[in-house]
Each structure stands twice: as C-alpha cells, then as structure tokens.
Amino acid sequence: MSLNFWLMLGIFIVGIIALIGFFKTKTGGYGRFSTSTFLILISIIVSSLLYSAGKLDSQIMANVLFAVIGFAGGLFTGKENNSGSSKGSDSGRVIVNFGVQKARLSSALVGC
C-alpha cells in the first residue's frame, strides 16, 4: 500500500465523518443554509480527493478553496443581514422620505 492510497483513504474517512456530523446536527428540512453547507462539504471532499490523486493542480485546488471561503463568507453574512427587520419596510420608508424631500425642494423653488 502506497502513501497516496493512505492519504486518499484518510481524506475519504474525514469526509465521511464530516458528512455524518452534518446530518446528525442539522435540523429538519433543507433551507438555504443547510443546502449550501452540504454543497460546500461535498466540494471540499471531492476536490481534496482529486488533488490527492494528482488529478488537480495546486493552483486549481487553491482556486477551489478560495471559492469555498468566499461562498461561505457570503452565506454567513447574508444570513446575519436577513435575520433582522424586513427590507421592504425600510426601502418604503426611504422612498417616502425622498418624496417628502422632493416636495419640500419643489415648494422652496416655487416660493423664490
């Protein structure tokens, strides 16, 4: 048994443990967060296995890891922003305030 075989077996076992941990700790249903986390795990496991087998270059593996980090960062940032108040009421308030300012400006110009 070569070192490459043991490396791939180790990555496979760590990947299976990560997937089992994901399914044990996840709540019921598939929302945006759980589906994205599952896809990130699958991407890392498959790309790591391909890299250890010599099928991916180191630059491609670095690109995969940067893409996963960027995707995960956007996923967590998006979840924090959406958990607050609804965006619809805030944007409506901005439009109303803009309309009030526009009305004040036009009445000030007419008065001059």
N, C-alpha and C. Protein backbone atom coordinates (compact mmCIF):
# COMPACT_ATOMS: atom_id res chain seq x y z
N MET A 1 0.84 -1.17 0.00
CA MET A 1 0.00 0.00 0.00
C MET A 1 0.89 1.24 0.00
N SER A 2 0.60 2.11 -0.94
CA SER A 2 1.43 3.30 -1.08
C SER A 2 0.93 4.42 -0.15
N LEU A 3 1.75 5.44 -0.04
CA LEU A 3 1.40 6.60 0.78
C LEU A 3 0.20 7.34 0.18
N ASN A 4 0.11 7.36 -1.15
CA ASN A 4 -1.00 8.02 -1.82
C ASN A 4 -2.34 7.36 -1.47
N PHE A 5 -2.34 6.03 -1.39
CA PHE A 5 -3.55 5.31 -1.02
C PHE A 5 -4.00 5.69 0.38
N TRP A 6 -3.06 5.73 1.34
CA TRP A 6 -3.41 6.07 2.72
C TRP A 6 -3.89 7.50 2.84
N LEU A 7 -3.29 8.39 2.05
CA LEU A 7 -3.72 9.78 2.05
C LEU A 7 -5.17 9.90 1.56
N MET A 8 -5.47 9.23 0.45
CA MET A 8 -6.85 9.27 -0.08
C MET A 8 -7.83 8.62 0.88
N LEU A 9 -7.43 7.52 1.51
CA LEU A 9 -8.30 6.86 2.47
C LEU A 9 -8.56 7.77 3.68
N GLY A 10 -7.52 8.47 4.14
CA GLY A 10 -7.69 9.40 5.26
C GLY A 10 -8.63 10.54 4.92
N ILE A 11 -8.47 11.10 3.72
CA ILE A 11 -9.36 12.19 3.29
C ILE A 11 -10.80 11.68 3.16
N PHE A 12 -10.96 10.48 2.63
CA PHE A 12 -12.29 9.90 2.49
C PHE A 12 -12.95 9.69 3.85
N ILE A 13 -12.19 9.18 4.82
CA ILE A 13 -12.75 8.94 6.15
C ILE A 13 -13.12 10.25 6.84
N VAL A 14 -12.25 11.27 6.73
CA VAL A 14 -12.56 12.58 7.31
C VAL A 14 -13.79 13.18 6.64
N GLY A 15 -13.92 13.01 5.32
CA GLY A 15 -15.09 13.49 4.60
C GLY A 15 -16.37 12.81 5.03
N ILE A 16 -16.31 11.50 5.21
CA ILE A 16 -17.49 10.75 5.67
C ILE A 16 -17.87 11.19 7.08
N ILE A 17 -16.89 11.39 7.95
CA ILE A 17 -17.18 11.86 9.31
C ILE A 17 -17.82 13.24 9.27
N ALA A 18 -17.32 14.12 8.38
CA ALA A 18 -17.90 15.46 8.26
C ALA A 18 -19.34 15.39 7.77
N LEU A 19 -19.62 14.51 6.80
CA LEU A 19 -21.00 14.38 6.32
C LEU A 19 -21.92 13.78 7.37
N ILE A 20 -21.43 12.80 8.12
CA ILE A 20 -22.24 12.22 9.20
C ILE A 20 -22.52 13.28 10.26
N GLY A 21 -21.50 14.06 10.62
CA GLY A 21 -21.70 15.15 11.58
C GLY A 21 -22.69 16.18 11.08
N PHE A 22 -22.63 16.47 9.78
CA PHE A 22 -23.58 17.43 9.20
C PHE A 22 -25.01 16.93 9.34
N PHE A 23 -25.25 15.67 8.98
CA PHE A 23 -26.62 15.15 9.03
C PHE A 23 -27.10 14.91 10.46
N LYS A 24 -26.18 14.65 11.39
CA LYS A 24 -26.59 14.49 12.79
C LYS A 24 -27.00 15.81 13.41
N THR A 25 -26.30 16.90 13.07
CA THR A 25 -26.56 18.18 13.73
C THR A 25 -27.55 19.07 13.00
N LYS A 26 -27.91 18.73 11.79
CA LYS A 26 -28.80 19.60 11.02
C LYS A 26 -30.24 19.43 11.47
N THR A 27 -30.99 20.53 11.41
CA THR A 27 -32.40 20.48 11.74
C THR A 27 -33.18 19.93 10.56
N GLY A 28 -34.44 19.69 10.74
CA GLY A 28 -35.27 19.11 9.68
C GLY A 28 -35.44 20.05 8.50
N GLY A 29 -35.51 19.49 7.31
CA GLY A 29 -35.73 20.27 6.11
C GLY A 29 -34.45 20.77 5.49
N TYR A 30 -34.59 21.28 4.27
CA TYR A 30 -33.45 21.82 3.55
C TYR A 30 -33.72 23.27 3.21
N GLY A 31 -33.13 24.15 3.97
CA GLY A 31 -33.21 25.58 3.68
C GLY A 31 -31.99 26.02 2.92
N ARG A 32 -31.84 27.32 2.79
CA ARG A 32 -30.69 27.87 2.06
C ARG A 32 -29.38 27.55 2.77
N PHE A 33 -29.38 27.64 4.08
CA PHE A 33 -28.16 27.44 4.84
C PHE A 33 -27.70 25.98 4.81
N SER A 34 -28.61 25.05 5.04
CA SER A 34 -28.20 23.64 5.11
C SER A 34 -27.82 23.10 3.74
N THR A 35 -28.50 23.51 2.70
CA THR A 35 -28.14 23.06 1.35
C THR A 35 -26.78 23.61 0.94
N SER A 36 -26.53 24.86 1.25
CA SER A 36 -25.24 25.46 0.91
C SER A 36 -24.11 24.82 1.69
N THR A 37 -24.33 24.53 2.95
CA THR A 37 -23.30 23.87 3.76
C THR A 37 -23.01 22.48 3.22
N PHE A 38 -24.04 21.77 2.82
CA PHE A 38 -23.86 20.44 2.23
C PHE A 38 -23.05 20.52 0.94
N LEU A 39 -23.35 21.49 0.09
CA LEU A 39 -22.60 21.64 -1.16
C LEU A 39 -21.16 22.03 -0.91
N ILE A 40 -20.90 22.86 0.10
CA ILE A 40 -19.53 23.22 0.44
C ILE A 40 -18.76 21.99 0.90
N LEU A 41 -19.37 21.17 1.74
CA LEU A 41 -18.71 19.95 2.21
C LEU A 41 -18.39 19.01 1.04
N ILE A 42 -19.35 18.79 0.16
CA ILE A 42 -19.13 17.91 -0.99
C ILE A 42 -18.03 18.46 -1.88
N SER A 43 -18.02 19.77 -2.12
CA SER A 43 -16.98 20.38 -2.96
C SER A 43 -15.59 20.19 -2.37
N ILE A 44 -15.47 20.39 -1.08
CA ILE A 44 -14.16 20.23 -0.43
C ILE A 44 -13.71 18.77 -0.46
N ILE A 45 -14.62 17.85 -0.18
CA ILE A 45 -14.26 16.43 -0.14
C ILE A 45 -13.83 15.95 -1.52
N VAL A 46 -14.63 16.24 -2.55
CA VAL A 46 -14.31 15.77 -3.90
C VAL A 46 -13.02 16.41 -4.41
N SER A 47 -12.87 17.72 -4.22
CA SER A 47 -11.66 18.37 -4.72
C SER A 47 -10.42 17.90 -3.96
N SER A 48 -10.55 17.62 -2.67
CA SER A 48 -9.41 17.10 -1.91
C SER A 48 -9.02 15.70 -2.37
N LEU A 49 -10.00 14.87 -2.65
CA LEU A 49 -9.69 13.54 -3.17
C LEU A 49 -9.03 13.62 -4.55
N LEU A 50 -9.54 14.50 -5.40
CA LEU A 50 -8.92 14.65 -6.72
C LEU A 50 -7.51 15.22 -6.62
N TYR A 51 -7.30 16.14 -5.71
CA TYR A 51 -5.96 16.72 -5.54
C TYR A 51 -4.98 15.67 -5.02
N SER A 52 -5.42 14.87 -4.06
CA SER A 52 -4.52 13.85 -3.51
C SER A 52 -4.22 12.75 -4.53
N ALA A 53 -5.12 12.53 -5.48
CA ALA A 53 -4.89 11.54 -6.53
C ALA A 53 -4.03 12.10 -7.66
N GLY A 54 -3.75 13.40 -7.61
CA GLY A 54 -2.92 14.01 -8.64
C GLY A 54 -3.70 14.46 -9.86
N LYS A 55 -5.00 14.54 -9.76
CA LYS A 55 -5.83 14.94 -10.90
C LYS A 55 -6.07 16.44 -10.96
N LEU A 56 -5.80 17.16 -9.88
CA LEU A 56 -5.94 18.62 -9.84
C LEU A 56 -4.59 19.26 -9.58
N ASP A 57 -4.32 20.36 -10.26
CA ASP A 57 -3.10 21.12 -9.98
C ASP A 57 -3.28 21.89 -8.67
N SER A 58 -2.16 22.34 -8.13
CA SER A 58 -2.22 23.09 -6.87
C SER A 58 -2.91 24.44 -7.05
N GLN A 59 -2.77 25.05 -8.23
CA GLN A 59 -3.44 26.34 -8.48
C GLN A 59 -4.96 26.16 -8.55
N ILE A 60 -5.41 25.08 -9.14
CA ILE A 60 -6.85 24.83 -9.22
C ILE A 60 -7.40 24.53 -7.82
N MET A 61 -6.64 23.78 -7.03
CA MET A 61 -7.08 23.50 -5.66
C MET A 61 -7.15 24.77 -4.83
N ALA A 62 -6.18 25.67 -5.03
CA ALA A 62 -6.22 26.96 -4.33
C ALA A 62 -7.45 27.76 -4.75
N ASN A 63 -7.78 27.73 -6.04
CA ASN A 63 -8.98 28.43 -6.52
C ASN A 63 -10.25 27.84 -5.91
N VAL A 64 -10.30 26.53 -5.79
CA VAL A 64 -11.46 25.88 -5.17
C VAL A 64 -11.58 26.31 -3.71
N LEU A 65 -10.47 26.32 -3.00
CA LEU A 65 -10.52 26.71 -1.59
C LEU A 65 -10.91 28.18 -1.41
N PHE A 66 -10.38 29.05 -2.27
CA PHE A 66 -10.78 30.47 -2.19
C PHE A 66 -12.26 30.64 -2.54
N ALA A 67 -12.75 29.89 -3.49
CA ALA A 67 -14.17 29.98 -3.84
C ALA A 67 -15.05 29.50 -2.69
N VAL A 68 -14.63 28.43 -2.03
CA VAL A 68 -15.39 27.91 -0.88
C VAL A 68 -15.38 28.92 0.26
N ILE A 69 -14.22 29.52 0.52
CA ILE A 69 -14.13 30.52 1.59
C ILE A 69 -15.01 31.73 1.27
N GLY A 70 -14.97 32.19 0.02
CA GLY A 70 -15.81 33.32 -0.37
C GLY A 70 -17.29 33.00 -0.31
N PHE A 71 -17.65 31.82 -0.75
CA PHE A 71 -19.06 31.41 -0.71
C PHE A 71 -19.54 31.29 0.72
N ALA A 72 -18.73 30.68 1.58
CA ALA A 72 -19.12 30.53 2.99
C ALA A 72 -19.21 31.88 3.68
N GLY A 73 -18.29 32.79 3.37
CA GLY A 73 -18.36 34.13 3.97
C GLY A 73 -19.61 34.87 3.55
N GLY A 74 -19.97 34.78 2.29
CA GLY A 74 -21.20 35.41 1.81
C GLY A 74 -22.43 34.76 2.39
N LEU A 75 -22.36 33.46 2.60
CA LEU A 75 -23.50 32.75 3.17
C LEU A 75 -23.77 33.19 4.60
N PHE A 76 -22.70 33.30 5.40
CA PHE A 76 -22.89 33.71 6.80
C PHE A 76 -23.25 35.18 6.90
N THR A 77 -22.67 36.03 6.06
CA THR A 77 -23.00 37.44 6.08
C THR A 77 -24.44 37.66 5.64
N GLY A 78 -24.88 36.95 4.61
CA GLY A 78 -26.25 37.07 4.13
C GLY A 78 -27.25 36.60 5.17
N LYS A 79 -26.90 35.57 5.94
CA LYS A 79 -27.81 35.09 6.96
C LYS A 79 -27.98 36.11 8.08
N GLU A 80 -26.90 36.80 8.46
CA GLU A 80 -26.99 37.81 9.51
C GLU A 80 -27.83 38.99 9.06
N ASN A 81 -27.70 39.43 7.82
CA ASN A 81 -28.44 40.58 7.34
C ASN A 81 -29.92 40.30 7.18
N ASN A 82 -30.28 39.08 6.83
CA ASN A 82 -31.68 38.75 6.60
C ASN A 82 -32.43 38.42 7.89
N SER A 83 -31.72 38.25 9.00
CA SER A 83 -32.41 37.87 10.22
C SER A 83 -33.04 39.06 10.94
N GLY A 84 -32.71 40.28 10.56
CA GLY A 84 -33.25 41.47 11.20
C GLY A 84 -34.61 41.83 10.66
N SER A 85 -34.88 43.13 10.60
CA SER A 85 -36.18 43.59 10.11
C SER A 85 -36.27 43.37 8.61
N SER A 86 -37.49 43.42 8.11
CA SER A 86 -37.69 43.17 6.68
C SER A 86 -37.18 44.35 5.86
N LYS A 87 -36.68 44.04 4.70
CA LYS A 87 -36.12 45.08 3.85
C LYS A 87 -37.21 45.93 3.21
N GLY A 88 -38.36 45.35 3.00
CA GLY A 88 -39.43 46.07 2.32
C GLY A 88 -39.87 47.32 3.06
N SER A 89 -40.00 47.24 4.38
CA SER A 89 -40.45 48.41 5.13
C SER A 89 -39.38 49.50 5.15
N ASP A 90 -38.10 49.11 5.21
CA ASP A 90 -37.03 50.10 5.20
C ASP A 90 -36.95 50.81 3.87
N SER A 91 -37.05 50.06 2.77
CA SER A 91 -36.95 50.71 1.46
C SER A 91 -38.17 51.59 1.20
N GLY A 92 -39.33 51.18 1.71
CA GLY A 92 -40.52 52.02 1.56
C GLY A 92 -40.37 53.33 2.31
N ARG A 93 -39.76 53.28 3.48
CA ARG A 93 -39.53 54.48 4.26
C ARG A 93 -38.57 55.41 3.54
N VAL A 94 -37.56 54.87 2.89
CA VAL A 94 -36.61 55.69 2.14
C VAL A 94 -37.31 56.39 0.98
N ILE A 95 -38.18 55.66 0.29
CA ILE A 95 -38.90 56.26 -0.84
C ILE A 95 -39.81 57.37 -0.35
N VAL A 96 -40.50 57.16 0.77
CA VAL A 96 -41.39 58.19 1.31
C VAL A 96 -40.57 59.41 1.73
N ASN A 97 -39.44 59.19 2.40
CA ASN A 97 -38.59 60.32 2.81
C ASN A 97 -38.07 61.07 1.60
N PHE A 98 -37.70 60.36 0.54
CA PHE A 98 -37.24 61.02 -0.67
C PHE A 98 -38.36 61.86 -1.28
N GLY A 99 -39.59 61.33 -1.25
CA GLY A 99 -40.73 62.08 -1.79
C GLY A 99 -41.00 63.34 -0.98
N VAL A 100 -40.86 63.27 0.34
CA VAL A 100 -41.07 64.44 1.20
C VAL A 100 -40.00 65.49 0.91
N GLN A 101 -38.75 65.05 0.79
CA GLN A 101 -37.66 65.99 0.49
C GLN A 101 -37.87 66.64 -0.87
N LYS A 102 -38.33 65.86 -1.84
CA LYS A 102 -38.57 66.38 -3.18
C LYS A 102 -39.70 67.42 -3.14
N ALA A 103 -40.74 67.15 -2.35
CA ALA A 103 -41.84 68.10 -2.24
C ALA A 103 -41.38 69.39 -1.56
N ARG A 104 -40.54 69.27 -0.53
CA ARG A 104 -40.02 70.46 0.14
C ARG A 104 -39.15 71.29 -0.80
N LEU A 105 -38.33 70.60 -1.59
CA LEU A 105 -37.44 71.31 -2.50
C LEU A 105 -38.24 72.03 -3.59
N SER A 106 -39.26 71.36 -4.12
CA SER A 106 -40.04 71.99 -5.17
C SER A 106 -40.86 73.18 -4.63
N SER A 107 -41.37 73.07 -3.37
CA SER A 107 -42.10 74.21 -2.81
C SER A 107 -41.16 75.36 -2.48
N ALA A 108 -39.93 75.07 -2.11
CA ALA A 108 -38.95 76.12 -1.84
C ALA A 108 -38.57 76.83 -3.13
N LEU A 109 -38.46 76.08 -4.23
CA LEU A 109 -38.12 76.70 -5.52
C LEU A 109 -39.27 77.56 -6.04
N VAL A 110 -40.49 77.15 -5.81
CA VAL A 110 -41.66 77.92 -6.28
C VAL A 110 -41.76 79.21 -5.47
N GLY A 111 -41.40 79.12 -4.19
CA GLY A 111 -41.51 80.30 -3.32
C GLY A 111 -40.47 81.37 -3.64
N CYS A 112 -39.40 81.03 -4.32
CA CYS A 112 -38.33 82.01 -4.59
C CYS A 112 -38.67 82.96 -5.66
